[in-house]
Amino acid sequence: MTSIVSYPTPSVYFQTHGCKLNQADTTELSAQFLNSGFQIADSLEDADIYLINTCTVTHVADKKARQAIRSVRRKRPDCKIIVTGCYAERAENQLKELSEIDLVIGNKEKPKIVGFVKELVAHDLTPCTTGSDLSQVLTPKISRTRGMVKIQEGCDQVCAYCIVPKVRGRERSISPDIILSQINDFVEGGYNEIVLTGTQLGSYGFEFDNCDLNRLLERILNETNLKRLRISSLQPQDINQKFLSICNNERVCPHFHMPLQSGSDLILAKMRRRYTSIEYFDAIRMIQDQIPNSSITADVIVGFPGESDNDFQDTFELCSEIDFSSLHVFPYSIRPGTSAQYFDSQIASDIKSTRMKKLMNLSKVKERSYRENLIGEQRLVLWEECAEVGSALKWTGLTEDYLRVECFSSSRLHNQIRHVEIISLKENVLLVEILNANDEG
């Protein structure tokens, strides 16, 4: 008599580096693996397969990916390691030389990744017959609070310093009907906030008839019961009166992330950015005039080739003048495959470091000042995480204008939206009190 041996279903643990678009991609990959018969592991210790979705926007991102891979191999020598994402797309052959890695799949091959992994583990899998929507597979850390929905990817702008067009391809949009279906899946799954992600959100819908970002936002607000909609990143040229009138809705989060990169028109032109410092400033002013309670964050690159002291001073002065809630400051690093790698007048690392420290110090001052001015004001907070502090429970959450807050409460606040009053600032974190425990926003 032949005995039948039953093998456990392989489980996959996902780790995501980089942008919110990568987070959305990981969510989609999780659903694909789940629907193909794999299990999703909550921790590395429980996983047969480790899949890292990588970033390659800087050399530091590449280094972090390699460190993570080597750490996993040390902790779990028997675990299969799969590398995908932008680093895998840019440097597939280089990564294949690393002995720790079992499989490298670039962005272009991502749709086939489940099949490749099946071949790798040589395991017969029973596909999920019911079909899992995206709301079932987000990581436990943000489970049933915020979901990432990709509406677009790719970039046609080809900035001189940026590798993204090479690793993400040309601009292309997701069908609005698919987007609405995904959002409704999330809402039915209990999610209260959706973040729209993409490489160039303002380019959304160019290949469709009567469809652009504004029309998509209107459809989301009209055709879903979503409580909070957040837009991940925009360019100055995306800001217009129609867009702001749509965003001036209590269901749209009043936070705008708009990369600046430089305050010098000479450097902006050299970077091939499609705006001037005045146009950037005017876009910010338009936002703050139309939506006064909005918060603005920005990315800034220091030490771009040819950046003079005067160019940096232009950047510093523009950043000083704008009421940012936070700045993300990066030193320029050469990315192979970009035109800027061939530019003369590369900036010395010590000069980059000095300029970066100056801007980061400015950001710290702005962050503190911005938050201090909010004491006494009210916000709506989506509560996400809880930790025991002694005998008390400390909850952390996110305001509609993208500020991290904390409070102590014995109530179960997870995934609830509550009205709060900001009472103090401690170590750059806003402390709040819940105004009405029975009132959900």
Protein backbone atom coordinates (compact mmCIF):
# COMPACT_ATOMS: atom_id res chain seq x y z
CA MET A 1 0.00 0.00 0.00
CA THR A 2 1.46 3.36 -1.02
CA SER A 3 1.42 6.03 1.68
CA ILE A 4 0.67 9.61 0.72
CA VAL A 5 3.03 12.19 2.13
CA SER A 6 1.53 15.64 2.74
CA TYR A 7 3.93 18.56 2.52
CA PRO A 8 3.19 21.92 4.12
CA THR A 9 2.33 24.77 1.80
CA PRO A 10 5.33 27.09 1.24
CA SER A 11 5.03 30.45 2.97
CA VAL A 12 6.39 33.78 1.74
CA TYR A 13 7.61 36.69 3.86
CA PHE A 14 7.66 40.05 2.07
CA GLN A 15 9.95 42.99 2.81
CA THR A 16 9.57 46.29 0.98
CA HIS A 17 12.19 49.00 0.56
CA GLY A 18 11.61 52.44 -0.89
CA CYS A 19 8.53 54.30 -2.03
CA LYS A 20 4.79 53.85 -1.58
CA LEU A 21 4.60 52.54 -5.15
CA ASN A 22 6.77 49.63 -4.05
CA GLN A 23 4.42 49.06 -1.11
CA ALA A 24 1.49 48.89 -3.53
CA ASP A 25 3.44 46.45 -5.72
CA THR A 26 4.13 44.23 -2.70
CA THR A 27 0.44 44.20 -1.83
CA GLU A 28 -0.40 43.04 -5.37
CA LEU A 29 2.35 40.40 -5.25
CA SER A 30 1.01 39.12 -1.93
CA ALA A 31 -2.43 38.63 -3.46
CA GLN A 32 -0.93 36.81 -6.46
CA PHE A 33 1.03 34.41 -4.24
CA LEU A 34 -1.97 33.81 -1.99
CA ASN A 35 -4.23 33.08 -4.95
CA SER A 36 -1.62 30.65 -6.33
CA GLY A 37 -1.63 28.50 -3.22
CA PHE A 38 1.19 30.01 -1.17
CA GLN A 39 0.79 31.14 2.41
CA ILE A 40 1.78 34.63 3.56
CA ALA A 41 4.12 34.58 6.57
CA ASP A 42 3.84 37.20 9.30
CA SER A 43 7.52 36.90 10.18
CA LEU A 44 10.79 35.76 8.67
CA GLU A 45 10.99 32.95 11.22
CA ASP A 46 7.79 31.41 9.80
CA ALA A 47 8.77 31.73 6.13
CA ASP A 48 10.10 29.27 3.58
CA ILE A 49 10.68 32.09 1.09
CA TYR A 50 11.94 35.63 1.67
CA LEU A 51 10.97 38.10 -1.07
CA ILE A 52 12.48 41.58 -0.97
CA ASN A 53 11.04 44.31 -3.20
CA THR A 54 14.00 46.65 -3.65
CA CYS A 55 14.66 50.32 -4.30
CA THR A 56 17.59 51.71 -6.29
CA VAL A 57 17.02 55.47 -6.18
CA THR A 58 20.42 55.96 -4.47
CA HIS A 59 23.52 53.87 -3.82
CA VAL A 60 22.45 53.84 -0.15
CA ALA A 61 19.24 52.04 -1.15
CA ASP A 62 21.31 49.41 -2.98
CA LYS A 63 23.50 48.96 0.09
CA LYS A 64 20.50 48.55 2.40
CA ALA A 65 19.11 45.84 0.14
CA ARG A 66 22.38 43.89 0.15
CA GLN A 67 22.62 44.22 3.94
CA ALA A 68 19.06 42.94 4.36
CA ILE A 69 19.73 39.98 2.07
CA ARG A 70 22.91 38.98 3.91
CA SER A 71 21.18 39.35 7.26
CA VAL A 72 18.38 37.03 6.17
CA ARG A 73 20.85 34.45 4.89
CA ARG A 74 22.65 34.47 8.26
CA LYS A 75 19.41 34.15 10.22
CA ARG A 76 17.70 31.66 7.89
CA PRO A 77 20.28 29.70 5.86
CA ASP A 78 17.55 27.31 4.64
CA CYS A 79 15.23 30.06 3.37
CA LYS A 80 14.88 30.77 -0.36
CA ILE A 81 15.78 34.42 -1.11
CA ILE A 82 14.01 36.17 -3.99
CA VAL A 83 15.01 39.69 -5.07
CA THR A 84 12.72 41.84 -7.18
CA GLY A 85 11.99 45.53 -7.70
CA CYS A 86 14.00 48.42 -9.06
CA TYR A 87 17.46 47.26 -7.92
CA ALA A 88 16.79 43.88 -9.52
CA GLU A 89 15.76 45.61 -12.75
CA ARG A 90 18.83 47.86 -12.83
CA ALA A 91 21.52 45.40 -11.76
CA GLU A 92 20.16 41.89 -12.37
CA ASN A 93 23.49 40.35 -13.39
CA GLN A 94 25.33 42.01 -10.52
CA LEU A 95 22.85 40.64 -7.98
CA LYS A 96 22.99 37.15 -9.50
CA GLU A 97 26.66 37.04 -8.53
CA LEU A 98 25.74 37.25 -4.83
CA SER A 99 25.78 33.73 -3.40
CA GLU A 100 23.06 34.54 -0.88
CA ILE A 101 20.40 35.04 -3.57
CA ASP A 102 18.38 32.21 -5.13
CA LEU A 103 16.39 34.18 -7.71
CA VAL A 104 16.49 37.70 -9.22
CA ILE A 105 13.39 39.04 -10.99
CA GLY A 106 13.32 42.58 -12.41
CA ASN A 107 10.26 44.80 -12.69
CA LYS A 108 9.58 43.78 -16.29
CA GLU A 109 9.33 40.12 -15.28
CA LYS A 110 7.32 40.77 -12.11
CA PRO A 111 4.04 39.53 -13.62
CA LYS A 112 5.68 36.09 -14.03
CA ILE A 113 7.27 35.98 -10.58
CA VAL A 114 4.87 33.43 -9.07
CA GLY A 115 5.64 30.96 -11.84
CA PHE A 116 9.38 31.41 -11.39
CA VAL A 117 9.09 30.85 -7.64
CA LYS A 118 6.98 27.72 -8.17
CA GLU A 119 9.75 26.30 -10.33
CA LEU A 120 12.32 27.25 -7.70
CA VAL A 121 10.58 25.51 -4.81
CA ALA A 122 9.45 22.60 -7.06
CA HIS A 123 6.22 22.32 -5.14
CA ASP A 124 2.73 21.38 -6.30
CA LEU A 125 0.36 24.08 -5.12
CA THR A 126 -3.40 24.19 -4.99
CA PRO A 127 -4.63 27.59 -6.19
CA CYS A 128 -6.96 29.50 -3.90
CA THR A 129 -10.43 28.86 -5.30
CA THR A 130 -12.19 31.83 -3.71
CA GLY A 131 -9.75 34.48 -4.88
CA SER A 132 -8.17 36.92 -2.45
CA ASP A 133 -8.55 40.64 -2.90
CA LEU A 134 -5.87 43.12 -1.88
CA SER A 135 -7.52 43.90 1.45
CA GLN A 136 -6.63 40.43 2.76
CA VAL A 137 -2.88 40.56 2.32
CA LEU A 138 -1.42 43.79 3.73
CA THR A 139 1.25 43.37 6.38
CA PRO A 140 -0.02 43.11 9.97
CA LYS A 141 1.67 46.38 10.93
CA ILE A 142 -0.81 48.47 8.93
CA SER A 143 -3.49 45.82 8.52
CA ARG A 144 -6.95 47.26 8.02
CA THR A 145 -5.90 50.88 8.35
CA ARG A 146 -4.14 52.19 5.23
CA GLY A 147 -4.05 50.51 1.84
CA MET A 148 -1.78 51.41 -1.09
CA VAL A 149 -3.39 51.50 -4.54
CA LYS A 150 -1.25 51.96 -7.65
CA ILE A 151 -2.94 54.15 -10.25
CA GLN A 152 0.02 54.71 -12.56
CA GLU A 153 3.66 53.84 -13.00
CA GLY A 154 6.57 54.76 -15.22
CA CYS A 155 8.05 58.16 -16.00
CA ASP A 156 8.66 60.00 -19.27
CA GLN A 157 10.40 63.02 -17.74
CA VAL A 158 13.96 61.57 -17.64
CA CYS A 159 15.49 63.88 -15.05
CA ALA A 160 19.27 63.92 -15.34
CA TYR A 161 19.93 62.34 -11.94
CA CYS A 162 17.12 59.77 -11.86
CA ILE A 163 17.25 56.07 -12.67
CA VAL A 164 13.49 55.55 -12.28
CA PRO A 165 12.58 55.81 -16.01
CA LYS A 166 15.01 52.97 -16.75
CA VAL A 167 13.71 50.68 -14.01
CA ARG A 168 9.99 51.58 -14.20
CA GLY A 169 9.60 52.18 -17.93
CA ARG A 170 7.32 54.57 -19.81
CA GLU A 171 4.26 56.15 -18.22
CA ARG A 172 1.14 53.99 -18.19
CA SER A 173 -2.09 54.22 -16.23
CA ILE A 174 -4.32 51.66 -14.55
CA SER A 175 -7.94 51.57 -15.70
CA PRO A 176 -10.15 53.71 -13.44
CA ASP A 177 -12.63 50.82 -13.13
CA ILE A 178 -9.87 48.55 -11.81
CA ILE A 179 -8.77 51.24 -9.35
CA LEU A 180 -12.32 51.73 -8.08
CA SER A 181 -12.75 47.97 -7.72
CA GLN A 182 -9.55 47.72 -5.67
CA ILE A 183 -10.57 50.62 -3.43
CA ASN A 184 -13.99 49.06 -2.84
CA ASP A 185 -12.27 45.77 -1.95
CA PHE A 186 -10.18 47.61 0.63
CA VAL A 187 -13.22 49.41 2.05
CA GLU A 188 -15.17 46.16 2.32
CA GLY A 189 -12.13 44.66 4.05
CA GLY A 190 -12.27 47.36 6.72
CA TYR A 191 -9.66 49.83 5.54
CA ASN A 192 -10.32 53.48 6.34
CA GLU A 193 -7.61 55.16 4.27
CA ILE A 194 -6.28 54.62 0.76
CA VAL A 195 -3.04 56.11 -0.54
CA LEU A 196 -2.91 56.63 -4.31
CA THR A 197 0.58 55.76 -5.51
CA GLY A 198 2.48 56.09 -8.77
CA THR A 199 5.64 57.52 -10.30
CA GLN A 200 3.97 60.55 -11.91
CA LEU A 201 0.44 60.84 -10.53
CA GLY A 202 -0.22 64.03 -12.48
CA SER A 203 0.19 62.11 -15.75
CA TYR A 204 -2.61 59.73 -14.84
CA GLY A 205 -5.08 58.88 -17.58
CA PHE A 206 -3.34 60.49 -20.56
CA GLU A 207 -3.97 57.40 -22.69
CA PHE A 208 -7.69 57.21 -21.82
CA ASP A 209 -10.59 59.27 -23.17
CA ASN A 210 -12.00 61.90 -20.78
CA CYS A 211 -9.82 60.69 -17.93
CA ASP A 212 -7.23 62.45 -15.80
CA LEU A 213 -6.28 62.67 -12.14
CA ASN A 214 -9.06 65.14 -11.34
CA ARG A 215 -11.75 62.93 -12.89
CA LEU A 216 -10.37 59.88 -11.09
CA LEU A 217 -10.49 61.68 -7.74
CA GLU A 218 -14.09 62.71 -8.39
CA ARG A 219 -15.07 59.14 -9.21
CA ILE A 220 -13.41 57.81 -6.06
CA LEU A 221 -15.27 60.33 -3.92
CA ASN A 222 -18.58 59.70 -5.69
CA GLU A 223 -18.45 55.93 -6.19
CA THR A 224 -16.85 54.60 -3.00
CA ASN A 225 -17.52 54.87 0.73
CA LEU A 226 -13.85 55.45 1.50
CA LYS A 227 -13.36 57.63 4.58
CA ARG A 228 -9.90 59.03 3.81
CA LEU A 229 -8.10 59.45 0.50
CA ARG A 230 -4.43 60.39 0.42
CA ILE A 231 -2.36 61.42 -2.62
CA SER A 232 1.27 60.37 -2.37
CA SER A 233 3.34 62.80 -4.50
CA LEU A 234 2.82 65.56 -7.04
CA GLN A 235 4.73 67.99 -9.25
CA PRO A 236 4.15 71.79 -9.27
CA GLN A 237 2.62 71.59 -12.74
CA ASP A 238 -0.05 69.21 -11.38
CA ILE A 239 -1.53 71.89 -9.12
CA ASN A 240 -4.55 73.75 -10.53
CA GLN A 241 -7.78 75.26 -9.27
CA LYS A 242 -9.88 72.25 -10.27
CA PHE A 243 -7.56 69.87 -8.45
CA LEU A 244 -7.56 71.99 -5.30
CA SER A 245 -11.34 72.36 -5.32
CA ILE A 246 -11.60 68.55 -5.33
CA CYS A 247 -9.00 68.25 -2.57
CA ASN A 248 -10.88 70.78 -0.44
CA ASN A 249 -13.06 67.91 0.71
CA GLU A 250 -12.99 66.50 4.23
CA ARG A 251 -12.42 63.00 2.83
CA VAL A 252 -9.21 64.06 1.01
CA CYS A 253 -6.18 64.32 3.28
CA PRO A 254 -4.70 67.85 3.17
CA HIS A 255 -1.09 66.76 2.85
CA PHE A 256 0.90 67.47 -0.30
CA HIS A 257 4.32 65.99 -0.96
CA MET A 258 5.97 67.96 -3.75
CA PRO A 259 9.63 67.27 -4.57
CA LEU A 260 11.65 70.49 -4.87
CA GLN A 261 15.14 69.04 -5.53
CA SER A 262 16.72 72.51 -5.86
CA GLY A 263 15.84 76.16 -5.37
CA SER A 264 18.29 77.26 -8.06
CA ASP A 265 16.85 77.74 -11.54
CA LEU A 266 20.25 76.94 -13.04
CA ILE A 267 20.39 73.59 -11.25
CA LEU A 268 16.72 72.82 -11.94
CA ALA A 269 17.37 73.31 -15.65
CA LYS A 270 20.47 71.14 -15.48
CA MET A 271 18.46 68.47 -13.67
CA ARG A 272 15.83 68.72 -16.42
CA ARG A 273 13.08 69.50 -13.94
CA ARG A 274 10.01 70.99 -15.63
CA TYR A 275 9.49 74.03 -13.41
CA THR A 276 11.32 77.06 -12.03
CA SER A 277 11.72 78.06 -8.40
CA ILE A 278 9.02 80.73 -8.86
CA GLU A 279 6.60 78.19 -10.33
CA TYR A 280 7.27 75.88 -7.40
CA PHE A 281 6.71 78.70 -4.91
CA ASP A 282 3.49 79.76 -6.66
CA ALA A 283 2.15 76.19 -6.56
CA ILE A 284 2.78 76.00 -2.81
CA ARG A 285 1.15 79.38 -2.27
CA MET A 286 -1.90 78.28 -4.29
CA ILE A 287 -2.27 75.17 -2.11
CA GLN A 288 -1.95 77.10 1.15
CA ASP A 289 -4.37 79.79 -0.02
CA GLN A 290 -7.03 77.27 -1.04
CA ILE A 291 -6.48 74.73 1.76
CA PRO A 292 -5.07 76.66 4.75
CA ASN A 293 -4.74 73.64 7.07
CA SER A 294 -2.62 71.68 4.57
CA SER A 295 0.87 70.44 5.32
CA ILE A 296 3.64 70.47 2.71
CA THR A 297 6.66 68.18 2.55
CA ALA A 298 9.43 68.10 -0.05
CA ASP A 299 12.53 66.27 -1.25
CA VAL A 300 15.75 68.23 -1.77
CA ILE A 301 18.98 67.06 -3.39
CA VAL A 302 22.23 68.73 -2.32
CA GLY A 303 25.51 68.55 -4.17
CA PHE A 304 24.19 68.06 -7.69
CA PRO A 305 27.06 68.44 -10.22
CA GLY A 306 27.90 72.10 -10.69
CA GLU A 307 25.95 73.30 -7.64
CA SER A 308 27.78 76.45 -6.53
CA ASP A 309 27.59 78.14 -3.14
CA ASN A 310 25.13 80.61 -4.67
CA ASP A 311 22.99 77.78 -6.06
CA PHE A 312 22.84 76.14 -2.65
CA GLN A 313 22.03 79.47 -1.02
CA ASP A 314 19.09 79.85 -3.42
CA THR A 315 17.85 76.45 -2.26
CA PHE A 316 18.33 77.30 1.40
CA GLU A 317 16.50 80.61 1.08
CA LEU A 318 13.55 79.08 -0.78
CA CYS A 319 13.26 76.32 1.82
CA SER A 320 13.43 78.94 4.56
CA GLU A 321 10.64 80.97 2.99
CA ILE A 322 8.15 78.12 2.50
CA ASP A 323 6.24 76.80 5.50
CA PHE A 324 7.24 73.14 5.12
CA SER A 325 6.20 70.66 7.80
CA SER A 326 9.24 68.53 6.92
CA LEU A 327 12.07 68.24 4.39
CA HIS A 328 13.64 65.03 3.11
CA VAL A 329 17.24 65.93 2.26
CA PHE A 330 19.49 63.67 0.17
CA PRO A 331 23.07 64.06 -1.03
CA TYR A 332 23.41 63.58 -4.78
CA SER A 333 24.89 60.20 -5.69
CA ILE A 334 25.90 59.02 -9.13
CA ARG A 335 23.49 56.50 -10.62
CA PRO A 336 24.91 54.46 -13.50
CA GLY A 337 22.73 54.87 -16.56
CA THR A 338 21.78 58.50 -15.91
CA SER A 339 23.13 61.48 -17.86
CA ALA A 340 24.27 63.26 -14.68
CA GLN A 341 26.96 60.63 -14.13
CA TYR A 342 28.82 62.20 -17.08
CA PHE A 343 28.52 65.80 -15.87
CA ASP A 344 31.63 67.72 -14.99
CA SER A 345 32.02 69.56 -11.69
CA GLN A 346 31.05 66.71 -9.39
CA ILE A 347 30.81 68.07 -5.85
CA ALA A 348 33.22 66.89 -3.15
CA SER A 349 31.70 64.71 -0.43
CA ASP A 350 32.70 67.08 2.39
CA ILE A 351 30.87 69.97 0.69
CA LYS A 352 27.80 67.78 0.20
CA SER A 353 27.92 66.82 3.85
CA THR A 354 28.14 70.44 5.02
CA ARG A 355 25.23 71.51 2.83
CA MET A 356 23.15 68.52 3.86
CA LYS A 357 23.66 69.24 7.56
CA LYS A 358 22.65 72.86 7.07
CA LEU A 359 19.40 71.90 5.33
CA MET A 360 18.65 69.12 7.81
CA ASN A 361 19.09 71.55 10.68
CA LEU A 362 16.69 73.92 8.93
CA SER A 363 14.23 71.05 8.55
CA LYS A 364 14.43 70.24 12.27
CA VAL A 365 13.69 73.87 13.15
CA LYS A 366 10.76 73.92 10.73
CA GLU A 367 9.38 70.61 11.97
CA ARG A 368 9.42 71.77 15.58
CA SER A 369 8.01 75.22 14.82
CA TYR A 370 5.25 73.76 12.64
CA ARG A 371 4.21 71.30 15.33
CA GLU A 372 4.40 73.80 18.19
CA ASN A 373 2.00 76.07 16.31
CA LEU A 374 -0.55 73.24 16.23
CA ILE A 375 -0.85 72.91 20.01
CA GLY A 376 -4.46 73.55 20.96
CA GLU A 377 -5.78 72.67 17.49
CA GLN A 378 -8.00 69.71 16.65
CA ARG A 379 -7.36 66.94 14.15
CA LEU A 380 -8.77 63.63 12.98
CA VAL A 381 -6.45 60.72 13.71
CA LEU A 382 -6.42 57.25 12.19
CA TRP A 383 -5.03 55.05 14.96
CA GLU A 384 -2.66 52.35 13.75
CA GLU A 385 -0.35 50.84 16.35
CA CYS A 386 -0.32 50.07 20.06
CA ALA A 387 2.52 49.34 22.47
CA GLU A 388 2.58 48.56 26.18
CA VAL A 389 4.43 51.17 28.23
CA GLY A 390 4.50 49.88 31.77
CA SER A 391 0.89 49.20 32.66
CA ALA A 392 -0.45 51.66 30.06
CA LEU A 393 -1.23 51.38 26.35
CA LYS A 394 0.41 53.92 24.05
CA TRP A 395 -1.31 54.39 20.69
CA THR A 396 0.26 55.98 17.63
CA GLY A 397 -1.66 57.30 14.68
CA LEU A 398 -1.64 59.64 11.72
CA THR A 399 -3.51 62.90 11.30
CA GLU A 400 -5.17 63.85 8.04
CA ASP A 401 -2.26 66.25 7.38
CA TYR A 402 0.33 63.45 7.82
CA LEU A 403 1.60 64.14 11.33
CA ARG A 404 2.48 61.31 13.69
CA VAL A 405 0.72 61.59 17.06
CA GLU A 406 0.54 59.58 20.28
CA CYS A 407 -1.88 59.15 23.14
CA PHE A 408 -2.38 56.86 26.12
CA SER A 409 -5.72 55.08 26.21
CA SER A 410 -7.10 51.85 27.62
CA SER A 411 -9.63 51.74 24.77
CA ARG A 412 -9.09 49.70 21.62
CA LEU A 413 -8.41 52.40 19.05
CA HIS A 414 -6.96 50.36 16.20
CA ASN A 415 -8.30 51.49 12.80
CA GLN A 416 -10.64 54.03 14.36
CA ILE A 417 -10.70 57.66 13.25
CA ARG A 418 -11.07 59.94 16.28
CA HIS A 419 -11.30 63.66 16.88
CA VAL A 420 -8.38 64.77 19.04
CA GLU A 421 -6.91 67.91 20.53
CA ILE A 422 -3.16 68.45 20.28
CA ILE A 423 -1.92 69.16 23.81
CA SER A 424 1.88 69.11 23.69
CA LEU A 425 5.03 68.26 21.78
CA LYS A 426 7.57 65.76 23.07
CA GLU A 427 10.71 64.86 21.09
CA ASN A 428 9.05 66.01 17.86
CA VAL A 429 6.00 63.80 18.43
CA LEU A 430 2.63 65.43 19.04
CA LEU A 431 0.75 64.24 22.12
CA VAL A 432 -3.03 64.36 21.86
CA GLU A 433 -6.19 63.76 23.84
CA ILE A 434 -9.26 62.09 22.37
CA LEU A 435 -12.17 64.51 22.53
CA ASN A 436 -15.08 62.07 22.37
CA ALA A 437 -14.50 58.36 22.76
CA ASN A 438 -17.88 57.61 21.20
CA ASP A 439 -17.46 59.78 18.13
CA GLU A 440 -15.79 58.29 15.07
CA GLY A 441 -14.89 60.70 12.27
